[in-house]
Amino acid sequence: MAEYSNENRGAIWGNDKKEKDTHPDFTGSLNVDGTEYWVSAWKRKPDAGPKAPALSFSVKPKEERTERERSGSAYGNRSGGGANQARGGDPSDEIPFAPIRGLV
């Protein structure tokens, strides 16, 4: 029997920790060529046109998020200080977005 590989696969689930509209609707992980990534996704806004993407994604290397977790500024942890807090903002206020080609 062939061994199952998760390489070049991923999955997202509903975000049960969503507290604000800026927080992702879905979170999960993705493996691309052996590199692990965290995935965040947001649903299309109700007033978006019919050609708007159904979901918008943000992808970050897992190592980057691990560093943020160590510094106490990871999503969901309001007690730590991170780059956004150093500038005086909530870490969830600025969400990086880069559309994935082919979905737009």
PDB file of N, CA and C in Angstrom:
ATOM      1  N   MET A   1       0.833  -1.170   0.000  1.00  0.00           N
ATOM      2  CA  MET A   1       0.000   0.000   0.000  1.00  0.00           C
ATOM      3  C   MET A   1       0.886   1.245   0.000  1.00  0.00           C
ATOM      4  N   ALA A   2       0.548   2.235  -0.805  1.00  0.00           N
ATOM      5  CA  ALA A   2       1.319   3.467  -0.892  1.00  0.00           C
ATOM      6  C   ALA A   2       1.071   4.320   0.341  1.00  0.00           C
ATOM      7  N   GLU A   3       2.128   4.996   0.797  1.00  0.00           N
ATOM      8  CA  GLU A   3       2.013   5.867   1.957  1.00  0.00           C
ATOM      9  C   GLU A   3       1.320   7.170   1.552  1.00  0.00           C
ATOM     10  N   TYR A   4       0.382   7.651   2.367  1.00  0.00           N
ATOM     11  CA  TYR A   4      -0.354   8.885   2.085  1.00  0.00           C
ATOM     12  C   TYR A   4       0.535  10.093   2.347  1.00  0.00           C
ATOM     13  N   SER A   5       0.481  11.080   1.486  1.00  0.00           N
ATOM     14  CA  SER A   5       1.262  12.303   1.638  1.00  0.00           C
ATOM     15  C   SER A   5       0.337  13.513   1.698  1.00  0.00           C
ATOM     16  N   ASN A   6       0.606  14.425   2.617  1.00  0.00           N
ATOM     17  CA  ASN A   6      -0.130  15.675   2.706  1.00  0.00           C
ATOM     18  C   ASN A   6       0.542  16.790   1.916  1.00  0.00           C
ATOM     19  N   GLU A   7       1.618  16.465   1.195  1.00  0.00           N
ATOM     20  CA  GLU A   7       2.319  17.488   0.436  1.00  0.00           C
ATOM     21  C   GLU A   7       1.405  18.057  -0.644  1.00  0.00           C
ATOM     22  N   ASN A   8       1.428  19.362  -0.783  1.00  0.00           N
ATOM     23  CA  ASN A   8       0.608  20.104  -1.749  1.00  0.00           C
ATOM     24  C   ASN A   8      -0.883  19.955  -1.478  1.00  0.00           C
ATOM     25  N   ARG A   9      -1.239  19.885  -0.198  1.00  0.00           N
ATOM     26  CA  ARG A   9      -2.639  19.807   0.222  1.00  0.00           C
ATOM     27  C   ARG A   9      -2.852  20.744   1.405  1.00  0.00           C
ATOM     28  N   GLY A  10      -4.106  21.068   1.657  1.00  0.00           N
ATOM     29  CA  GLY A  10      -4.432  21.911   2.792  1.00  0.00           C
ATOM     30  C   GLY A  10      -5.903  21.809   3.120  1.00  0.00           C
ATOM     31  N   ALA A  11      -6.295  22.416   4.238  1.00  0.00           N
ATOM     32  CA  ALA A  11      -7.691  22.403   4.667  1.00  0.00           C
ATOM     33  C   ALA A  11      -7.946  23.624   5.540  1.00  0.00           C
ATOM     34  N   ILE A  12      -9.189  24.116   5.500  1.00  0.00           N
ATOM     35  CA  ILE A  12      -9.601  25.215   6.370  1.00  0.00           C
ATOM     36  C   ILE A  12     -10.897  24.836   7.064  1.00  0.00           C
ATOM     37  N   TRP A  13     -11.107  25.389   8.254  1.00  0.00           N
ATOM     38  CA  TRP A  13     -12.299  25.137   9.062  1.00  0.00           C
ATOM     39  C   TRP A  13     -12.853  26.465   9.529  1.00  0.00           C
ATOM     40  N   GLY A  14     -14.101  26.463   9.971  1.00  0.00           N
ATOM     41  CA  GLY A  14     -14.709  27.662  10.536  1.00  0.00           C
ATOM     42  C   GLY A  14     -13.908  28.139  11.737  1.00  0.00           C
ATOM     43  N   ASN A  15     -13.742  29.448  11.870  1.00  0.00           N
ATOM     44  CA  ASN A  15     -12.969  30.042  12.958  1.00  0.00           C
ATOM     45  C   ASN A  15     -13.872  30.267  14.166  1.00  0.00           C
ATOM     46  N   ASP A  16     -13.756  29.415  15.173  1.00  0.00           N
ATOM     47  CA  ASP A  16     -14.592  29.547  16.365  1.00  0.00           C
ATOM     48  C   ASP A  16     -14.070  30.617  17.329  1.00  0.00           C
ATOM     49  N   LYS A  17     -12.933  31.254  16.990  1.00  0.00           N
ATOM     50  CA  LYS A  17     -12.375  32.317  17.833  1.00  0.00           C
ATOM     51  C   LYS A  17     -12.620  33.710  17.247  1.00  0.00           C
ATOM     52  N   LYS A  18     -13.443  33.814  16.207  1.00  0.00           N
ATOM     53  CA  LYS A  18     -13.705  35.104  15.576  1.00  0.00           C
ATOM     54  C   LYS A  18     -14.460  36.010  16.538  1.00  0.00           C
ATOM     55  N   GLU A  19     -13.891  37.187  16.805  1.00  0.00           N
ATOM     56  CA  GLU A  19     -14.500  38.156  17.707  1.00  0.00           C
ATOM     57  C   GLU A  19     -14.848  39.465  17.007  1.00  0.00           C
ATOM     58  N   LYS A  20     -14.168  39.770  15.902  1.00  0.00           N
ATOM     59  CA  LYS A  20     -14.376  41.023  15.186  1.00  0.00           C
ATOM     60  C   LYS A  20     -14.565  40.726  13.702  1.00  0.00           C
ATOM     61  N   ASP A  21     -15.146  41.658  12.971  1.00  0.00           N
ATOM     62  CA  ASP A  21     -15.346  41.476  11.535  1.00  0.00           C
ATOM     63  C   ASP A  21     -14.030  41.315  10.785  1.00  0.00           C
ATOM     64  N   THR A  22     -12.946  41.859  11.326  1.00  0.00           N
ATOM     65  CA  THR A  22     -11.653  41.756  10.646  1.00  0.00           C
ATOM     66  C   THR A  22     -10.993  40.396  10.839  1.00  0.00           C
ATOM     67  N   HIS A  23     -11.431  39.619  11.802  1.00  0.00           N
ATOM     68  CA  HIS A  23     -10.869  38.287  12.011  1.00  0.00           C
ATOM     69  C   HIS A  23     -11.333  37.360  10.893  1.00  0.00           C
ATOM     70  N   PRO A  24     -10.511  36.375  10.533  1.00  0.00           N
ATOM     71  CA  PRO A  24     -10.889  35.467   9.435  1.00  0.00           C
ATOM     72  C   PRO A  24     -12.103  34.612   9.778  1.00  0.00           C
ATOM     73  N   ASP A  25     -12.884  34.287   8.737  1.00  0.00           N
ATOM     74  CA  ASP A  25     -14.032  33.399   8.907  1.00  0.00           C
ATOM     75  C   ASP A  25     -13.583  31.939   8.985  1.00  0.00           C
ATOM     76  N   PHE A  26     -12.448  31.632   8.358  1.00  0.00           N
ATOM     77  CA  PHE A  26     -11.904  30.274   8.331  1.00  0.00           C
ATOM     78  C   PHE A  26     -10.406  30.331   8.584  1.00  0.00           C
ATOM     79  N   THR A  27      -9.865  29.290   9.234  1.00  0.00           N
ATOM     80  CA  THR A  27      -8.421  29.159   9.417  1.00  0.00           C
ATOM     81  C   THR A  27      -8.030  27.709   9.159  1.00  0.00           C
ATOM     82  N   GLY A  28      -6.773  27.498   8.855  1.00  0.00           N
ATOM     83  CA  GLY A  28      -6.310  26.140   8.615  1.00  0.00           C
ATOM     84  C   GLY A  28      -4.844  26.137   8.250  1.00  0.00           C
ATOM     85  N   SER A  29      -4.433  25.071   7.567  1.00  0.00           N
ATOM     86  CA  SER A  29      -3.034  24.947   7.183  1.00  0.00           C
ATOM     87  C   SER A  29      -2.927  24.413   5.767  1.00  0.00           C
ATOM     88  N   LEU A  30      -1.741  24.598   5.195  1.00  0.00           N
ATOM     89  CA  LEU A  30      -1.479  24.247   3.812  1.00  0.00           C
ATOM     90  C   LEU A  30      -0.035  23.800   3.696  1.00  0.00           C
ATOM     91  N   ASN A  31       0.216  22.797   2.889  1.00  0.00           N
ATOM     92  CA  ASN A  31       1.572  22.335   2.629  1.00  0.00           C
ATOM     93  C   ASN A  31       1.851  22.550   1.145  1.00  0.00           C
ATOM     94  N   VAL A  32       2.906  23.314   0.835  1.00  0.00           N
ATOM     95  CA  VAL A  32       3.300  23.547  -0.550  1.00  0.00           C
ATOM     96  C   VAL A  32       4.757  23.125  -0.697  1.00  0.00           C
ATOM     97  N   ASP A  33       4.991  22.107  -1.499  1.00  0.00           N
ATOM     98  CA  ASP A  33       6.347  21.584  -1.727  1.00  0.00           C
ATOM     99  C   ASP A  33       7.089  21.305  -0.425  1.00  0.00           C
ATOM    100  N   GLY A  34       6.379  20.789   0.568  1.00  0.00           N
ATOM    101  CA  GLY A  34       6.993  20.411   1.834  1.00  0.00           C
ATOM    102  C   GLY A  34       7.075  21.520   2.864  1.00  0.00           C
ATOM    103  N   THR A  35       6.700  22.745   2.519  1.00  0.00           N
ATOM    104  CA  THR A  35       6.719  23.865   3.450  1.00  0.00           C
ATOM    105  C   THR A  35       5.313  24.069   4.004  1.00  0.00           C
ATOM    106  N   GLU A  36       5.214  24.190   5.334  1.00  0.00           N
ATOM    107  CA  GLU A  36       3.927  24.345   6.005  1.00  0.00           C
ATOM    108  C   GLU A  36       3.551  25.824   6.113  1.00  0.00           C
ATOM    109  N   TYR A  37       2.271  26.130   5.889  1.00  0.00           N
ATOM    110  CA  TYR A  37       1.742  27.486   5.961  1.00  0.00           C
ATOM    111  C   TYR A  37       0.467  27.509   6.792  1.00  0.00           C
ATOM    112  N   TRP A  38       0.201  28.655   7.438  1.00  0.00           N
ATOM    113  CA  TRP A  38      -1.085  28.927   8.059  1.00  0.00           C
ATOM    114  C   TRP A  38      -1.938  29.629   7.017  1.00  0.00           C
ATOM    115  N   VAL A  39      -3.226  29.309   6.969  1.00  0.00           N
ATOM    116  CA  VAL A  39      -4.148  29.906   6.003  1.00  0.00           C
ATOM    117  C   VAL A  39      -5.285  30.589   6.765  1.00  0.00           C
ATOM    118  N   SER A  40      -5.621  31.800   6.342  1.00  0.00           N
ATOM    119  CA  SER A  40      -6.791  32.516   6.846  1.00  0.00           C
ATOM    120  C   SER A  40      -7.656  32.859   5.652  1.00  0.00           C
ATOM    121  N   ALA A  41      -8.979  32.781   5.818  1.00  0.00           N
ATOM    122  CA  ALA A  41      -9.883  33.079   4.707  1.00  0.00           C
ATOM    123  C   ALA A  41     -11.083  33.867   5.200  1.00  0.00           C
ATOM    124  N   TRP A  42     -11.527  34.781   4.347  1.00  0.00           N
ATOM    125  CA  TRP A  42     -12.684  35.620   4.642  1.00  0.00           C
ATOM    126  C   TRP A  42     -13.746  35.398   3.579  1.00  0.00           C
ATOM    127  N   LYS A  43     -15.024  35.349   4.007  1.00  0.00           N
ATOM    128  CA  LYS A  43     -16.147  35.213   3.073  1.00  0.00           C
ATOM    129  C   LYS A  43     -16.361  36.514   2.310  1.00  0.00           C
ATOM    130  N   ARG A  44     -16.951  36.358   1.150  1.00  0.00           N
ATOM    131  CA  ARG A  44     -17.314  37.523   0.349  1.00  0.00           C
ATOM    132  C   ARG A  44     -18.323  38.369   1.127  1.00  0.00           C
ATOM    133  N   LYS A  45     -18.203  39.661   1.005  1.00  0.00           N
ATOM    134  CA  LYS A  45     -19.153  40.571   1.651  1.00  0.00           C
ATOM    135  C   LYS A  45     -20.522  40.427   0.991  1.00  0.00           C
ATOM    136  N   PRO A  46     -21.611  40.570   1.744  1.00  0.00           N
ATOM    137  CA  PRO A  46     -22.957  40.408   1.182  1.00  0.00           C
ATOM    138  C   PRO A  46     -23.255  41.339   0.012  1.00  0.00           C
ATOM    139  N   ASP A  47     -22.655  42.546   0.011  1.00  0.00           N
ATOM    140  CA  ASP A  47     -22.935  43.501  -1.057  1.00  0.00           C
ATOM    141  C   ASP A  47     -21.957  43.403  -2.229  1.00  0.00           C
ATOM    142  N   ALA A  48     -21.084  42.382  -2.229  1.00  0.00           N
ATOM    143  CA  ALA A  48     -20.113  42.214  -3.316  1.00  0.00           C
ATOM    144  C   ALA A  48     -20.830  41.797  -4.594  1.00  0.00           C
ATOM    145  N   GLY A  49     -20.287  42.208  -5.710  1.00  0.00           N
ATOM    146  CA  GLY A  49     -20.867  41.860  -7.003  1.00  0.00           C
ATOM    147  C   GLY A  49     -20.706  40.380  -7.307  1.00  0.00           C
ATOM    148  N   PRO A  50     -21.398  39.894  -8.345  1.00  0.00           N
ATOM    149  CA  PRO A  50     -21.367  38.465  -8.673  1.00  0.00           C
ATOM    150  C   PRO A  50     -20.001  37.970  -9.134  1.00  0.00           C
ATOM    151  N   LYS A  51     -19.120  38.875  -9.541  1.00  0.00           N
ATOM    152  CA  LYS A  51     -17.792  38.452 -10.000  1.00  0.00           C
ATOM    153  C   LYS A  51     -16.739  38.515  -8.891  1.00  0.00           C
ATOM    154  N   ALA A  52     -17.139  38.907  -7.694  1.00  0.00           N
ATOM    155  CA  ALA A  52     -16.213  38.958  -6.563  1.00  0.00           C
ATOM    156  C   ALA A  52     -15.876  37.531  -6.134  1.00  0.00           C
ATOM    157  N   PRO A  53     -14.643  37.307  -5.640  1.00  0.00           N
ATOM    158  CA  PRO A  53     -14.302  35.956  -5.189  1.00  0.00           C
ATOM    159  C   PRO A  53     -15.160  35.528  -3.998  1.00  0.00           C
ATOM    160  N   ALA A  54     -15.472  34.249  -3.921  1.00  0.00           N
ATOM    161  CA  ALA A  54     -16.264  33.722  -2.808  1.00  0.00           C
ATOM    162  C   ALA A  54     -15.478  33.797  -1.507  1.00  0.00           C
ATOM    163  N   LEU A  55     -14.175  33.565  -1.565  1.00  0.00           N
ATOM    164  CA  LEU A  55     -13.300  33.651  -0.401  1.00  0.00           C
ATOM    165  C   LEU A  55     -12.037  34.420  -0.777  1.00  0.00           C
ATOM    166  N   SER A  56     -11.502  35.171   0.169  1.00  0.00           N
ATOM    167  CA  SER A  56     -10.202  35.818   0.027  1.00  0.00           C
ATOM    168  C   SER A  56      -9.264  35.148   1.019  1.00  0.00           C
ATOM    169  N   PHE A  57      -8.018  34.911   0.608  1.00  0.00           N
ATOM    170  CA  PHE A  57      -7.069  34.171   1.433  1.00  0.00           C
ATOM    171  C   PHE A  57      -5.854  34.996   1.808  1.00  0.00           C
ATOM    172  N   SER A  58      -5.280  34.654   2.960  1.00  0.00           N
ATOM    173  CA  SER A  58      -3.977  35.137   3.391  1.00  0.00           C
ATOM    174  C   SER A  58      -3.190  33.903   3.824  1.00  0.00           C
ATOM    175  N   VAL A  59      -1.920  33.822   3.415  1.00  0.00           N
ATOM    176  CA  VAL A  59      -1.081  32.662   3.717  1.00  0.00           C
ATOM    177  C   VAL A  59       0.215  33.153   4.357  1.00  0.00           C
ATOM    178  N   LYS A  60       0.609  32.518   5.475  1.00  0.00           N
ATOM    179  CA  LYS A  60       1.854  32.868   6.171  1.00  0.00           C
ATOM    180  C   LYS A  60       2.620  31.597   6.490  1.00  0.00           C
ATOM    181  N   PRO A  61       3.961  31.618   6.358  1.00  0.00           N
ATOM    182  CA  PRO A  61       4.737  30.447   6.771  1.00  0.00           C
ATOM    183  C   PRO A  61       4.513  30.148   8.247  1.00  0.00           C
ATOM    184  N   LYS A  62       4.426  28.867   8.606  1.00  0.00           N
ATOM    185  CA  LYS A  62       4.195  28.506  10.010  1.00  0.00           C
ATOM    186  C   LYS A  62       5.310  29.008  10.914  1.00  0.00           C
ATOM    187  N   GLU A  63       6.541  29.063  10.432  1.00  0.00           N
ATOM    188  CA  GLU A  63       7.646  29.545  11.255  1.00  0.00           C
ATOM    189  C   GLU A  63       7.412  30.984  11.659  1.00  0.00           C
ATOM    190  N   GLU A  64       6.886  31.826  10.746  1.00  0.00           N
ATOM    191  CA  GLU A  64       6.613  33.227  11.052  1.00  0.00           C
ATOM    192  C   GLU A  64       5.584  33.343  12.163  1.00  0.00           C
ATOM    193  N   ARG A  65       4.530  32.574  12.100  1.00  0.00           N
ATOM    194  CA  ARG A  65       3.484  32.633  13.125  1.00  0.00           C
ATOM    195  C   ARG A  65       4.015  32.104  14.449  1.00  0.00           C
ATOM    196  N   THR A  66       4.862  31.085  14.403  1.00  0.00           N
ATOM    197  CA  THR A  66       5.451  30.547  15.629  1.00  0.00           C
ATOM    198  C   THR A  66       6.261  31.623  16.340  1.00  0.00           C
ATOM    199  N   GLU A  67       7.026  32.425  15.583  1.00  0.00           N
ATOM    200  CA  GLU A  67       7.789  33.514  16.184  1.00  0.00           C
ATOM    201  C   GLU A  67       6.849  34.524  16.832  1.00  0.00           C
ATOM    202  N   ARG A  68       5.735  34.840  16.180  1.00  0.00           N
ATOM    203  CA  ARG A  68       4.772  35.786  16.734  1.00  0.00           C
ATOM    204  C   ARG A  68       4.161  35.213  18.005  1.00  0.00           C
ATOM    205  N   GLU A  69       3.880  33.915  18.027  1.00  0.00           N
ATOM    206  CA  GLU A  69       3.310  33.304  19.221  1.00  0.00           C
ATOM    207  C   GLU A  69       4.290  33.402  20.386  1.00  0.00           C
ATOM    208  N   ARG A  70       5.572  33.205  20.106  1.00  0.00           N
ATOM    209  CA  ARG A  70       6.574  33.301  21.168  1.00  0.00           C
ATOM    210  C   ARG A  70       6.647  34.709  21.737  1.00  0.00           C
ATOM    211  N   SER A  71       6.421  35.727  20.896  1.00  0.00           N
ATOM    212  CA  SER A  71       6.500  37.109  21.366  1.00  0.00           C
ATOM    213  C   SER A  71       5.206  37.569  22.041  1.00  0.00           C
ATOM    214  N   GLY A  72       4.159  36.711  21.992  1.00  0.00           N
ATOM    215  CA  GLY A  72       2.899  37.049  22.647  1.00  0.00           C
ATOM    216  C   GLY A  72       1.980  37.904  21.812  1.00  0.00           C
ATOM    217  N   SER A  73       2.251  38.049  20.498  1.00  0.00           N
ATOM    218  CA  SER A  73       1.408  38.914  19.676  1.00  0.00           C
ATOM    219  C   SER A  73       0.575  38.124  18.680  1.00  0.00           C
ATOM    220  N   ALA A  74       0.451  36.830  18.885  1.00  0.00           N
ATOM    221  CA  ALA A  74      -0.309  35.999  17.942  1.00  0.00           C
ATOM    222  C   ALA A  74      -1.790  36.318  18.007  1.00  0.00           C
ATOM    223  N   TYR A  75      -2.499  35.971  16.966  1.00  0.00           N
ATOM    224  CA  TYR A  75      -3.955  36.182  16.892  1.00  0.00           C
ATOM    225  C   TYR A  75      -4.611  35.591  18.123  1.00  0.00           C
ATOM    226  N   GLY A  76      -5.458  36.353  18.743  1.00  0.00           N
ATOM    227  CA  GLY A  76      -6.195  35.866  19.900  1.00  0.00           C
ATOM    228  C   GLY A  76      -5.534  36.188  21.226  1.00  0.00           C
ATOM    229  N   ASN A  77      -4.269  36.599  21.229  1.00  0.00           N
ATOM    230  CA  ASN A  77      -3.574  36.917  22.467  1.00  0.00           C
ATOM    231  C   ASN A  77      -3.433  38.424  22.568  1.00  0.00           C
ATOM    232  N   ARG A  78      -4.237  39.052  23.399  1.00  0.00           N
ATOM    233  CA  ARG A  78      -4.249  40.508  23.492  1.00  0.00           C
ATOM    234  C   ARG A  78      -3.218  41.046  24.485  1.00  0.00           C
ATOM    235  N   SER A  79      -2.536  40.169  25.217  1.00  0.00           N
ATOM    236  CA  SER A  79      -1.659  40.646  26.279  1.00  0.00           C
ATOM    237  C   SER A  79      -0.257  40.979  25.810  1.00  0.00           C
ATOM    238  N   GLY A  80       0.190  40.410  24.709  1.00  0.00           N
ATOM    239  CA  GLY A  80       1.567  40.608  24.270  1.00  0.00           C
ATOM    240  C   GLY A  80       1.724  41.836  23.417  1.00  0.00           C
ATOM    241  N   GLY A  81       2.980  42.154  23.133  1.00  0.00           N
ATOM    242  CA  GLY A  81       3.277  43.296  22.276  1.00  0.00           C
ATOM    243  C   GLY A  81       3.906  42.819  20.993  1.00  0.00           C
ATOM    244  N   GLY A  82       3.375  43.236  19.895  1.00  0.00           N
ATOM    245  CA  GLY A  82       3.923  42.862  18.597  1.00  0.00           C
ATOM    246  C   GLY A  82       4.183  44.091  17.768  1.00  0.00           C
ATOM    247  N   ALA A  83       4.508  43.901  16.503  1.00  0.00           N
ATOM    248  CA  ALA A  83       4.830  45.011  15.619  1.00  0.00           C
ATOM    249  C   ALA A  83       3.672  45.993  15.512  1.00  0.00           C
ATOM    250  N   ASN A  84       2.452  45.510  15.385  1.00  0.00           N
ATOM    251  CA  ASN A  84       1.309  46.406  15.271  1.00  0.00           C
ATOM    252  C   ASN A  84       1.044  47.135  16.585  1.00  0.00           C
ATOM    253  N   GLN A  85       1.227  46.457  17.697  1.00  0.00           N
ATOM    254  CA  GLN A  85       1.008  47.112  18.981  1.00  0.00           C
ATOM    255  C   GLN A  85       2.093  48.144  19.235  1.00  0.00           C
ATOM    256  N   ALA A  86       3.318  47.883  18.770  1.00  0.00           N
ATOM    257  CA  ALA A  86       4.387  48.852  18.937  1.00  0.00           C
ATOM    258  C   ALA A  86       4.047  50.150  18.209  1.00  0.00           C
ATOM    259  N   ARG A  87       3.252  50.056  17.129  1.00  0.00           N
ATOM    260  CA  ARG A  87       2.811  51.233  16.402  1.00  0.00           C
ATOM    261  C   ARG A  87       1.513  51.776  16.999  1.00  0.00           C
ATOM    262  N   GLY A  88       0.998  51.135  18.063  1.00  0.00           N
ATOM    263  CA  GLY A  88      -0.186  51.631  18.725  1.00  0.00           C
ATOM    264  C   GLY A  88      -1.480  50.998  18.264  1.00  0.00           C
ATOM    265  N   GLY A  89      -1.426  49.893  17.521  1.00  0.00           N
ATOM    266  CA  GLY A  89      -2.650  49.276  17.032  1.00  0.00           C
ATOM    267  C   GLY A  89      -2.844  47.872  17.556  1.00  0.00           C
ATOM    268  N   ASP A  90      -4.042  47.385  17.415  1.00  0.00           N
ATOM    269  CA  ASP A  90      -4.382  46.004  17.751  1.00  0.00           C
ATOM    270  C   ASP A  90      -3.836  45.107  16.640  1.00  0.00           C
ATOM    271  N   PRO A  91      -3.202  43.958  16.938  1.00  0.00           N
ATOM    272  CA  PRO A  91      -2.624  43.118  15.891  1.00  0.00           C
ATOM    273  C   PRO A  91      -3.661  42.634  14.879  1.00  0.00           C
ATOM    274  N   SER A  92      -4.914  42.560  15.248  1.00  0.00           N
ATOM    275  CA  SER A  92      -5.931  42.086  14.318  1.00  0.00           C
ATOM    276  C   SER A  92      -6.462  43.206  13.421  1.00  0.00           C
ATOM    277  N   ASP A  93      -6.078  44.462  13.682  1.00  0.00           N
ATOM    278  CA  ASP A  93      -6.567  45.579  12.881  1.00  0.00           C
ATOM    279  C   ASP A  93      -5.948  45.612  11.491  1.00  0.00           C
ATOM    280  N   GLU A  94      -4.722  45.147  11.363  1.00  0.00           N
ATOM    281  CA  GLU A  94      -4.052  45.141  10.071  1.00  0.00           C
ATOM    282  C   GLU A  94      -3.891  43.709   9.618  1.00  0.00           C
ATOM    283  N   ILE A  95      -4.642  43.336   8.594  1.00  0.00           N
ATOM    284  CA  ILE A  95      -4.594  41.979   8.091  1.00  0.00           C
ATOM    285  C   ILE A  95      -3.992  42.010   6.700  1.00  0.00           C
ATOM    286  N   PRO A  96      -2.818  41.394   6.526  1.00  0.00           N
ATOM    287  CA  PRO A  96      -2.212  41.395   5.197  1.00  0.00           C
ATOM    288  C   PRO A  96      -3.077  40.587   4.232  1.00  0.00           C
ATOM    289  N   PHE A  97      -3.170  41.059   3.002  1.00  0.00           N
ATOM    290  CA  PHE A  97      -3.981  40.360   2.019  1.00  0.00           C
ATOM    291  C   PHE A  97      -3.254  40.345   0.693  1.00  0.00           C
ATOM    292  N   ALA A  98      -3.122  39.197   0.140  1.00  0.00           N
ATOM    293  CA  ALA A  98      -2.568  39.032  -1.201  1.00  0.00           C
ATOM    294  C   ALA A  98      -3.450  38.026  -1.922  1.00  0.00           C
ATOM    295  N   PRO A  99      -4.199  38.470  -2.942  1.00  0.00           N
ATOM    296  CA  PRO A  99      -5.093  37.545  -3.623  1.00  0.00           C
ATOM    297  C   PRO A  99      -4.320  36.439  -4.301  1.00  0.00           C
ATOM    298  N   ILE A 100      -4.877  35.254  -4.296  1.00  0.00           N
ATOM    299  CA  ILE A 100      -4.275  34.112  -4.962  1.00  0.00           C
ATOM    300  C   ILE A 100      -4.713  34.160  -6.415  1.00  0.00           C
ATOM    301  N   ARG A 101      -3.755  34.116  -7.325  1.00  0.00           N
ATOM    302  CA  ARG A 101      -4.069  34.190  -8.752  1.00  0.00           C
ATOM    303  C   ARG A 101      -4.976  33.047  -9.137  1.00  0.00           C
ATOM    304  N   GLY A 102      -5.924  33.332  -9.998  1.00  0.00           N
ATOM    305  CA  GLY A 102      -6.862  32.331 -10.455  1.00  0.00           C
ATOM    306  C   GLY A 102      -8.171  32.350  -9.688  1.00  0.00           C
ATOM    307  N   LEU A 103      -8.171  32.960  -8.492  1.00  0.00           N
ATOM    308  CA  LEU A 103      -9.400  33.042  -7.711  1.00  0.00           C
ATOM    309  C   LEU A 103     -10.105  34.365  -7.935  1.00  0.00           C
ATOM    310  N   VAL A 104      -9.404  35.315  -8.505  1.00  0.00           N
ATOM    311  CA  VAL A 104      -9.991  36.649  -8.705  1.00  0.00           C
ATOM    312  C   VAL A 104     -10.522  36.747 -10.108  1.00  0.00           C
TER     313      VAL A 104
END
